[in-house]
Protein backbone atom coordinates (compact mmCIF):
# COMPACT_ATOMS: atom_id res chain seq x y z
CA UNK A 1 44.49 250.04 56.26
CA UNK A 2 41.03 251.47 56.94
CA UNK A 3 41.33 254.06 54.18
CA UNK A 4 42.75 251.45 51.76
CA UNK A 5 39.77 249.08 52.20
CA UNK A 6 37.24 251.91 51.99
CA UNK A 7 38.98 253.32 48.93
CA UNK A 8 39.13 249.91 47.24
CA UNK A 9 35.44 249.22 47.82
CA UNK A 10 34.52 252.73 46.75
CA UNK A 11 36.41 252.40 43.46
CA UNK A 12 35.23 248.81 42.90
CA UNK A 13 31.57 249.76 43.38
CA UNK A 14 31.95 252.86 41.23
CA UNK A 15 33.55 250.90 38.39
CA UNK A 16 30.83 248.25 38.67
CA UNK A 17 28.21 250.99 38.48
CA UNK A 18 29.91 252.47 35.40
CA UNK A 19 29.95 249.05 33.72
CA UNK A 20 26.22 248.77 34.43
CA UNK A 21 25.68 252.18 32.84
CA UNK A 22 27.83 251.22 29.85
CA UNK A 23 25.92 248.00 29.20
CA UNK A 24 22.48 249.50 29.75
CA UNK A 25 22.98 253.04 28.43
CA UNK A 26 20.96 252.12 25.33
CA UNK A 27 17.94 251.65 27.61
CA UNK A 28 18.17 255.32 28.59
CA UNK A 29 17.82 256.02 24.87
CA UNK A 30 14.81 253.69 24.90
CA UNK A 31 13.24 255.81 27.65
CA UNK A 32 13.77 259.02 25.69
CA UNK A 33 12.24 257.45 22.58
CA UNK A 34 9.25 256.23 24.61
CA UNK A 35 8.72 259.63 26.29
CA UNK A 36 8.87 261.40 22.93
CA UNK A 37 6.40 258.91 21.48
CA UNK A 38 3.90 259.57 24.27
CA UNK A 39 3.73 263.26 23.27
CA UNK A 40 2.75 262.43 19.70
CA UNK A 41 -0.52 261.29 18.22
CA UNK A 42 0.01 257.91 16.65
CA UNK A 43 -1.15 257.12 13.14
CA UNK A 44 -2.73 253.70 13.42
CA UNK A 45 -3.06 251.70 10.22
CA UNK A 46 -6.56 250.44 9.48
CA UNK A 47 -5.68 246.77 9.16
CA UNK A 48 -9.10 245.37 9.96
CA UNK A 49 -8.80 242.15 7.95
CA UNK A 50 -10.17 239.46 10.30
CA UNK A 51 -8.08 236.40 11.06
CA UNK A 52 -9.12 233.12 12.62
CA UNK A 53 -7.59 232.62 16.08
CA UNK A 54 -7.36 229.89 18.68
CA UNK A 55 -6.97 231.09 22.26
CA UNK A 56 -4.95 228.62 24.33
CA UNK A 57 -5.05 228.71 28.13
CA UNK A 58 -2.82 226.44 30.23
CA UNK A 59 -4.45 226.02 33.64
CA UNK A 60 -3.63 224.07 36.76
CA UNK A 61 -6.17 224.22 39.59
CA UNK A 62 -7.56 227.56 38.41
CA UNK A 63 -11.29 227.05 39.05
CA UNK A 64 -11.53 230.41 40.86
CA UNK A 65 -10.30 232.64 38.04
CA UNK A 66 -10.56 230.90 34.69
CA UNK A 67 -14.26 231.65 34.25
CA UNK A 68 -13.66 235.42 34.33
CA UNK A 69 -10.92 235.14 31.69
CA UNK A 70 -13.21 233.26 29.33
CA UNK A 71 -15.99 235.81 29.94
CA UNK A 72 -13.61 238.63 29.01
CA UNK A 73 -12.73 236.77 25.80
CA UNK A 74 -16.41 236.31 24.97
CA UNK A 75 -17.03 240.05 25.52
CA UNK A 76 -14.45 241.07 22.90
CA UNK A 77 -15.39 243.61 20.25
CA UNK A 78 -13.73 241.23 17.76
CA UNK A 79 -16.24 238.92 16.07
CA UNK A 80 -16.66 235.69 18.04
CA UNK A 81 -16.98 233.64 14.85
CA UNK A 82 -13.22 234.06 14.44
CA UNK A 83 -12.27 233.00 17.96
CA UNK A 84 -12.17 229.52 19.54
CA UNK A 85 -11.06 228.94 23.13
CA UNK A 86 -9.01 225.89 24.17
CA UNK A 87 -8.16 225.09 27.79
CA UNK A 88 -5.62 222.53 28.99
CA UNK A 89 -6.60 221.40 32.48
CA UNK A 90 -3.07 220.36 33.37
CA UNK A 91 -2.75 217.90 36.28
CA UNK A 92 -5.79 219.49 37.92
CA UNK A 93 -7.33 218.21 41.15
CA UNK A 94 -10.15 220.76 41.25
CA UNK A 95 -13.05 221.78 38.97
CA UNK A 96 -11.02 223.78 36.43
CA UNK A 97 -12.10 221.58 33.52
CA UNK A 98 -15.79 221.74 34.43
CA UNK A 99 -15.77 225.52 34.98
CA UNK A 100 -14.04 226.07 31.62
CA UNK A 101 -16.51 223.81 29.80
CA UNK A 102 -19.48 225.61 31.33
CA UNK A 103 -17.99 228.93 30.21
CA UNK A 104 -17.86 227.66 26.62
CA UNK A 105 -14.26 226.53 26.13
CA UNK A 106 -13.03 223.38 24.42
CA UNK A 107 -11.29 221.52 27.23
CA UNK A 108 -8.75 218.73 27.32
CA UNK A 109 -7.32 217.26 30.50
CA UNK A 110 -3.67 216.28 30.80
CA UNK A 111 -2.12 214.12 33.51
CA UNK A 112 1.64 213.81 33.41
CA UNK A 113 3.73 213.97 36.59
CA UNK A 114 7.06 213.73 34.76
CA UNK A 115 6.77 216.54 32.22
CA UNK A 116 5.65 219.44 34.39
CA UNK A 117 5.37 223.01 33.21
CA UNK A 118 3.49 225.36 30.93
CA UNK A 119 5.58 224.49 27.89
CA UNK A 120 4.57 220.83 28.01
CA UNK A 121 0.91 221.77 28.45
CA UNK A 122 1.02 224.09 25.42
CA UNK A 123 2.69 221.44 23.28
CA UNK A 124 0.01 218.95 24.36
CA UNK A 125 -2.76 221.28 23.15
CA UNK A 126 -1.01 222.24 19.91
CA UNK A 127 -0.82 218.58 18.96
CA UNK A 128 -4.52 218.09 19.76
CA UNK A 129 -5.46 221.08 17.60
CA UNK A 130 -3.26 219.79 14.79
CA UNK A 131 -4.87 216.35 14.93
CA UNK A 132 -8.51 217.15 15.73
CA UNK A 133 -9.08 220.71 14.49
CA UNK A 134 -6.82 221.00 11.44
CA UNK A 135 -9.84 221.92 9.28
CA UNK A 136 -10.24 225.16 11.27
CA UNK A 137 -7.05 226.55 9.68
CA UNK A 138 -6.20 229.04 12.41
CA UNK A 139 -4.07 231.99 11.39
CA UNK A 140 -2.60 232.43 14.85
CA UNK A 141 -2.66 231.35 18.48
CA UNK A 142 -3.14 233.56 21.53
CA UNK A 143 -1.44 232.33 24.71
CA UNK A 144 -2.85 233.32 28.12
CA UNK A 145 -2.58 232.26 31.74
CA UNK A 146 -5.82 231.44 33.55
CA UNK A 147 -5.63 234.50 35.84
CA UNK A 148 -5.57 236.97 32.93
CA UNK A 149 -8.35 239.38 31.94
CA UNK A 150 -8.66 241.13 28.55
CA UNK A 151 -9.73 244.63 27.66
CA UNK A 152 -12.70 244.42 25.27
CA UNK A 153 -10.63 245.62 22.29
CA UNK A 154 -7.66 243.37 23.02
CA UNK A 155 -8.02 240.89 20.14
CA UNK A 156 -9.02 243.60 17.64
CA UNK A 157 -5.90 245.62 18.46
CA UNK A 158 -3.62 242.57 18.34
CA UNK A 159 -5.16 241.62 15.01
CA UNK A 160 -4.28 245.07 13.68
CA UNK A 161 -0.59 244.61 14.57
CA UNK A 162 -0.63 241.01 13.34
CA UNK A 163 -1.82 242.29 9.94
CA UNK A 164 1.24 244.54 9.73
CA UNK A 165 3.28 241.41 9.10
CA UNK A 166 4.51 240.49 12.58
CA UNK A 167 4.36 236.75 13.22
CA UNK A 168 4.80 237.15 16.99
CA UNK A 169 3.09 240.00 18.85
CA UNK A 170 3.18 240.84 22.56
CA UNK A 171 0.93 243.29 24.42
CA UNK A 172 0.53 245.79 27.25
CA UNK A 173 0.70 243.95 30.58
CA UNK A 174 -1.24 245.57 33.39
CA UNK A 175 -2.10 244.13 36.82
CA UNK A 176 -5.43 243.45 38.46
CA UNK A 177 -4.06 243.68 42.03
CA UNK A 178 -1.55 246.56 41.78
CA UNK A 179 -2.78 248.07 45.04
CA UNK A 180 -2.66 244.94 47.20
CA UNK A 181 0.81 245.50 48.69
CA UNK A 182 4.39 246.52 47.86
CA UNK A 183 5.10 243.11 46.30
CA UNK A 184 2.20 243.14 43.82
CA UNK A 185 2.98 246.78 43.00
CA UNK A 186 6.65 245.91 42.45
CA UNK A 187 5.73 243.34 39.83
CA UNK A 188 3.17 245.67 38.24
CA UNK A 189 5.55 248.61 37.87
CA UNK A 190 8.20 246.40 36.30
CA UNK A 191 5.75 244.95 33.75
CA UNK A 192 4.48 248.43 32.87
CA UNK A 193 8.07 249.59 32.44
CA UNK A 194 8.84 246.54 30.33
CA UNK A 195 5.86 247.23 28.05
CA UNK A 196 6.26 250.98 27.55
CA UNK A 197 9.98 251.59 28.08
CA UNK A 198 11.44 248.45 26.52
CA UNK A 199 8.98 247.00 24.00
CA UNK A 200 7.47 250.29 22.79
CA UNK A 201 10.82 251.89 21.84
CA UNK A 202 11.93 248.60 20.31
CA UNK A 203 8.84 248.74 18.12
CA UNK A 204 9.43 252.40 17.20
CA UNK A 205 13.09 251.74 16.38
CA UNK A 206 12.15 248.71 14.27
CA UNK A 207 14.05 246.20 16.37
CA UNK A 208 12.63 243.08 18.00
CA UNK A 209 10.53 243.08 21.16
CA UNK A 210 10.30 240.19 23.62
CA UNK A 211 7.35 238.32 25.05
CA UNK A 212 6.88 238.20 28.80
CA UNK A 213 5.17 235.13 30.18
CA UNK A 214 1.66 235.57 28.85
CA UNK A 215 -0.51 237.75 26.63
CA UNK A 216 1.03 237.14 23.21
CA UNK A 217 0.09 235.98 19.71
CA UNK A 218 2.01 233.50 17.53
CA UNK A 219 1.47 232.85 13.82
CA UNK A 220 0.34 229.31 13.04
CA UNK A 221 3.18 228.91 10.52
CA UNK A 222 5.76 229.15 13.32
CA UNK A 223 4.01 226.45 15.35
CA UNK A 224 3.79 224.19 12.30
CA UNK A 225 7.45 224.79 11.48
CA UNK A 226 8.50 223.92 15.03
CA UNK A 227 6.20 220.91 15.20
CA UNK A 228 4.47 222.31 18.28
CA UNK A 229 5.86 224.12 21.31
CA UNK A 230 9.49 223.11 21.90
CA UNK A 231 10.39 225.44 24.74
CA UNK A 232 10.63 223.76 28.13
CA UNK A 233 13.17 225.70 30.19
CA UNK A 234 11.96 227.34 33.41
CA UNK A 235 11.53 230.64 31.55
CA UNK A 236 9.98 229.42 28.32
CA UNK A 237 8.96 232.98 27.39
CA UNK A 238 12.49 234.39 27.13
CA UNK A 239 13.66 231.10 25.59
CA UNK A 240 11.01 231.44 22.88
CA UNK A 241 11.89 235.11 22.29
CA UNK A 242 15.61 234.46 21.92
CA UNK A 243 15.05 231.39 19.76
CA UNK A 244 12.86 233.37 17.35
CA UNK A 245 15.25 236.33 17.21
CA UNK A 246 18.16 234.00 16.41
CA UNK A 247 16.05 232.60 13.56
CA UNK A 248 15.59 236.10 12.15
CA UNK A 249 12.08 236.77 13.50
CA UNK A 250 11.07 240.26 14.62
CA UNK A 251 8.61 240.31 17.52
CA UNK A 252 6.05 243.13 17.51
CA UNK A 253 4.34 245.02 20.33
CA UNK A 254 0.76 246.28 20.48
CA UNK A 255 0.48 249.20 22.90
CA UNK A 256 -3.32 249.34 22.73
CA UNK A 257 -3.94 245.67 23.49
CA UNK A 258 -4.27 245.69 27.28
CA UNK A 259 -4.56 242.66 29.51
CA UNK A 260 -4.40 242.24 33.27
CA UNK A 261 -2.86 239.48 35.35
CA UNK A 262 -2.57 238.67 39.03
CA UNK A 263 0.71 239.16 40.87
CA UNK A 264 1.93 237.03 43.81
CA UNK A 265 0.76 238.46 47.12
CA UNK A 266 3.16 237.02 49.71
CA UNK A 267 6.94 237.27 49.74
CA UNK A 268 7.18 233.49 49.93
CA UNK A 269 5.20 233.13 46.68
CA UNK A 270 7.24 235.89 45.08
CA UNK A 271 10.53 234.33 46.15
CA UNK A 272 9.52 230.98 44.68
CA UNK A 273 8.41 232.48 41.38
CA UNK A 274 11.41 234.75 40.91
CA UNK A 275 13.78 231.97 41.94
CA UNK A 276 12.38 230.00 39.00
CA UNK A 277 12.85 233.01 36.73
CA UNK A 278 16.46 233.52 37.86
CA UNK A 279 17.26 229.83 37.37
CA UNK A 280 15.55 229.96 33.99
CA UNK A 281 17.73 232.90 32.93
CA UNK A 282 20.84 230.89 33.82
CA UNK A 283 19.45 227.99 31.76
CA UNK A 284 18.79 230.26 28.78
CA UNK A 285 22.27 231.76 29.10
CA UNK A 286 23.80 228.29 29.08
CA UNK A 287 21.77 227.16 26.06
CA UNK A 288 21.79 230.30 23.89
CA UNK A 289 24.70 232.43 25.14
CA UNK A 290 27.18 231.40 22.43
CA UNK A 291 24.62 231.79 19.65
CA UNK A 292 23.71 235.25 20.89
CA UNK A 293 27.35 236.33 20.93
CA UNK A 294 27.83 234.94 17.43
CA UNK A 295 24.76 236.76 16.16
CA UNK A 296 25.86 240.08 17.68
CA UNK A 297 29.09 240.08 15.73
CA UNK A 298 27.74 238.78 12.40
CA UNK A 299 26.09 242.16 11.75
CA UNK A 300 22.82 240.79 10.42
CA UNK A 301 19.39 242.43 10.81
CA UNK A 302 18.93 241.00 14.29
CA UNK A 303 22.41 241.75 15.68
CA UNK A 304 21.15 244.56 17.90
CA UNK A 305 18.18 242.48 19.07
CA UNK A 306 20.61 239.72 20.02
CA UNK A 307 22.66 242.26 22.00
CA UNK A 308 19.45 243.48 23.65
CA UNK A 309 18.46 239.95 24.68
CA UNK A 310 22.00 239.29 25.90
CA UNK A 311 21.71 242.29 28.20
CA UNK A 312 18.44 240.85 29.49
CA UNK A 313 19.95 237.56 30.63
CA UNK A 314 23.64 238.24 31.32
CA UNK A 315 25.40 241.31 32.79
CA UNK A 316 22.91 242.28 35.48
CA UNK A 317 23.03 238.93 37.27
CA UNK A 318 26.75 238.38 36.76
CA UNK A 319 27.78 241.87 37.92
CA UNK A 320 25.33 241.80 40.82
CA UNK A 321 26.65 238.46 42.06
CA UNK A 322 30.26 239.65 41.73
CA UNK A 323 29.49 242.88 43.59
CA UNK A 324 27.72 241.08 46.42
CA UNK A 325 30.54 238.56 46.81
CA UNK A 326 33.30 241.22 46.91
CA UNK A 327 31.43 243.61 49.22
CA UNK A 328 30.19 240.77 51.40
CA UNK A 329 33.61 239.20 51.86
CA UNK A 330 35.22 242.52 52.77
CA UNK A 331 32.44 243.39 55.18
CA UNK A 332 32.63 240.00 56.92
CA UNK A 333 36.40 240.28 57.10
CA UNK A 334 36.07 243.68 58.75
CA UNK A 335 33.25 242.59 61.03
CA UNK A 336 35.18 239.59 62.40
CA UNK A 337 38.53 241.44 62.61
CA UNK A 338 40.19 239.35 59.91
CA UNK A 339 41.50 242.63 58.54
CA UNK A 340 43.24 244.56 61.29
CA UNK A 341 42.96 248.30 61.84
CA UNK A 342 39.87 248.56 59.63
CA UNK A 343 36.77 250.34 60.90
CA UNK A 344 33.31 248.84 60.37
CA UNK A 345 31.70 252.26 59.99
CA UNK A 346 33.82 253.33 57.03
CA UNK A 347 33.22 250.08 55.15
CA UNK A 348 29.49 250.22 55.92
CA UNK A 349 29.30 253.79 54.62
CA UNK A 350 30.87 252.82 51.29
CA UNK A 351 28.47 249.90 50.85
CA UNK A 352 25.48 252.06 51.79
CA UNK A 353 26.49 254.68 49.20
CA UNK A 354 26.52 251.97 46.54
CA UNK A 355 23.07 250.78 47.63
CA UNK A 356 21.89 254.39 47.62
CA UNK A 357 22.95 254.89 43.98
CA UNK A 358 21.08 251.74 42.98
CA UNK A 359 18.01 252.89 44.92
CA UNK A 360 17.97 256.27 43.17
CA UNK A 361 18.15 254.72 39.69
CA UNK A 362 15.34 252.25 40.47
CA UNK A 363 13.19 254.94 42.10
CA UNK A 364 13.56 257.26 39.12
CA UNK A 365 12.58 254.44 36.77
CA UNK A 366 9.51 253.63 38.90
CA UNK A 367 8.47 257.26 39.23
CA UNK A 368 8.67 257.96 35.48
CA UNK A 369 6.72 254.78 34.71
CA UNK A 370 4.07 255.54 37.33
CA UNK A 371 3.54 259.14 36.17
CA UNK A 372 3.30 258.32 32.47
CA UNK A 373 1.03 255.30 33.06
CA UNK A 374 -0.99 257.03 35.79
CA UNK A 375 -4.38 256.69 34.10
CA UNK A 376 -3.89 253.02 33.36
CA UNK A 377 -3.01 252.13 36.96
CA UNK A 378 -6.29 251.47 38.73
CA UNK A 379 -5.80 252.37 42.39
CA UNK A 380 -5.65 255.35 44.75
CA UNK A 381 -3.20 258.08 43.79
CA UNK A 382 -1.30 258.00 47.09
CA UNK A 383 -0.60 254.29 46.60
CA UNK A 384 0.85 254.91 43.15
CA UNK A 385 3.36 257.35 44.66
CA UNK A 386 4.07 255.26 47.77
CA UNK A 387 4.84 252.15 45.75
CA UNK A 388 7.31 254.09 43.62
CA UNK A 389 9.36 254.45 46.81
CA UNK A 390 9.09 250.73 47.68
CA UNK A 391 9.86 249.53 44.13
CA UNK A 392 13.67 249.71 44.56
CA UNK A 393 13.43 247.45 47.64
CA UNK A 394 11.39 244.97 45.59
CA UNK A 395 14.10 244.96 42.93
CA UNK A 396 16.86 244.58 45.55
CA UNK A 397 15.29 241.32 46.70
CA UNK A 398 16.39 239.89 43.35
CA UNK A 399 19.97 239.96 44.64
CA UNK A 400 19.72 237.05 47.12
CA UNK A 401 17.38 235.26 44.70
CA UNK A 402 19.97 235.43 41.90
CA UNK A 403 22.65 234.06 44.21
CA UNK A 404 20.52 231.19 45.56
CA UNK A 405 19.46 230.27 42.01
CA UNK A 406 23.10 229.59 41.12
CA UNK A 407 23.25 226.65 43.51
CA UNK A 408 19.69 225.46 44.13
CA UNK A 409 17.79 222.96 42.01
CA UNK A 410 14.53 224.63 41.00
CA UNK A 411 11.33 223.07 39.70
CA UNK A 412 8.12 224.64 38.42
CA UNK A 413 5.60 225.11 41.23
CA UNK A 414 2.15 226.61 40.99
CA UNK A 415 1.42 230.09 42.33
CA UNK A 416 -2.16 229.98 43.56
CA UNK A 417 -4.45 232.66 42.12
CA UNK A 418 -7.20 233.96 44.39
CA UNK A 419 -8.08 237.44 43.08
CA UNK A 420 -11.48 236.89 41.49
CA UNK A 421 -12.51 240.01 39.56
CA UNK A 422 -14.34 240.69 36.33
CA UNK A 423 -12.77 242.92 33.70
CA UNK A 424 -15.30 245.63 34.62
CA UNK A 425 -14.30 245.50 38.29
CA UNK A 426 -10.61 245.80 37.44
CA UNK A 427 -11.12 248.79 35.16
C-alpha cells in the first residue's frame, strides 16, 4: 500500500509537471528570443514627432509620494508644452489634492463609497477631460499610480514606440525598494521578468504584449471609442489587455522607457494585494474565457496572443489548485492513518521532490533575470543573488492565495505607500 500511494503521487506530480511544461513551453522560447536580443545592438527608429499627452494619476491618500512622481514628470527630457498632468484624489482623507496642486497638477476630487477602485477613478477623470478639456485634443493618455517615478527619458521613449503605430504601449517596470526585503524583491524580480522575458519577446515576435497595472500609454481614439474607461474587475489591467486583444489590438512594449514603483513591504500587505489579483484573474476567466477560446481557434492575427493571455489566467491556477488538493488529501489521509500500512516518510519525500522541481524552475528564472538585468537593479550585489534564492518561496506563497481566492469575497483595499524617494535617489 505504501509503495502504491508513493507511486501514484509520484506519477501524478510528474504528469502535472509535464502538463505545466507543455502549456508554458512557448515561454522558454520567449526566454531564448529575449537572451538573443540582448546580445544585439538594436536599431531604434527616429520617430521624434511630438504628440500631446495627458498624464492621469489615480491617487488615494498618497500625500507622501505623489509629489515626487509629479517632479519626475516635470523633469522629463520631453517638451513640457506637450504634457499635462491630471490627478484624481479618490476618496482621500489626507492632503493628496493639495500636494498635487502645489506640484503643478490639475486636480479633481472624487467621493464615491459605492464605486471603489482604480477603474472608476480613471473613468471619472476621462469624462472630466472630455467635457472640460476637449479643446486640448490629446493624442494619448499615460496611466500611472501615485507611487511611481519616471526615468527622465520615459515619455520620449514611449512617444517613439507610440509613433510606430501602437495604440497601447507598456514599459519597463523597475522597483524603487527592491532591496527592502524578500517580499519586495520577489515582486521586483517578477516584474523585471515580465518586462524582459514576456513583453520583449512578444514585441520581437510581433505578437501582442500585455499591460501590468501601471506605466502604460493608451491612444485617445480607444478611450473615445469605449466612452471612457470601462474596466472595473479587480485586475483591470489584464481585463483591459484581453479586451483589446480580442478586439484585434496589438499592445506594444518600450524597453527603454523605465519607471519605478513601490512594492508591498509586509507579508500581510502582499497577501491582501495578491489575493485581489488572484480573485481578479478568476473574474477575468469567467468573463472572457469563452471568447479567448473562440479566438484561439478562429486563426486570426491575434489567435496566438489569445492563447498567450489564456495561459496567463488559466492553467497555472487550475493545475496548482488540483495538485494541492490531491497531494494534501493523500498526505492528510496518511498522517491520520485513514490509509493503512502507508508510511508518512515516503509520501512526504514524494511531495518534497515535487516542491523541489518547482523551486529549481523558479530559481533558474530568477537567476537569469537578475544576471541580465544586473545593472538596472539598484542595490548591493549580494542582495541581488540572495533574493534569487528566496524568489521561489515568494512565488510558492501564491498557492494558498489562489486557493483562498476561490472562496473568499475580495474587495479593493489600499496598500499604503511610504517609500519617499526622488528619481535621483532611486537611480
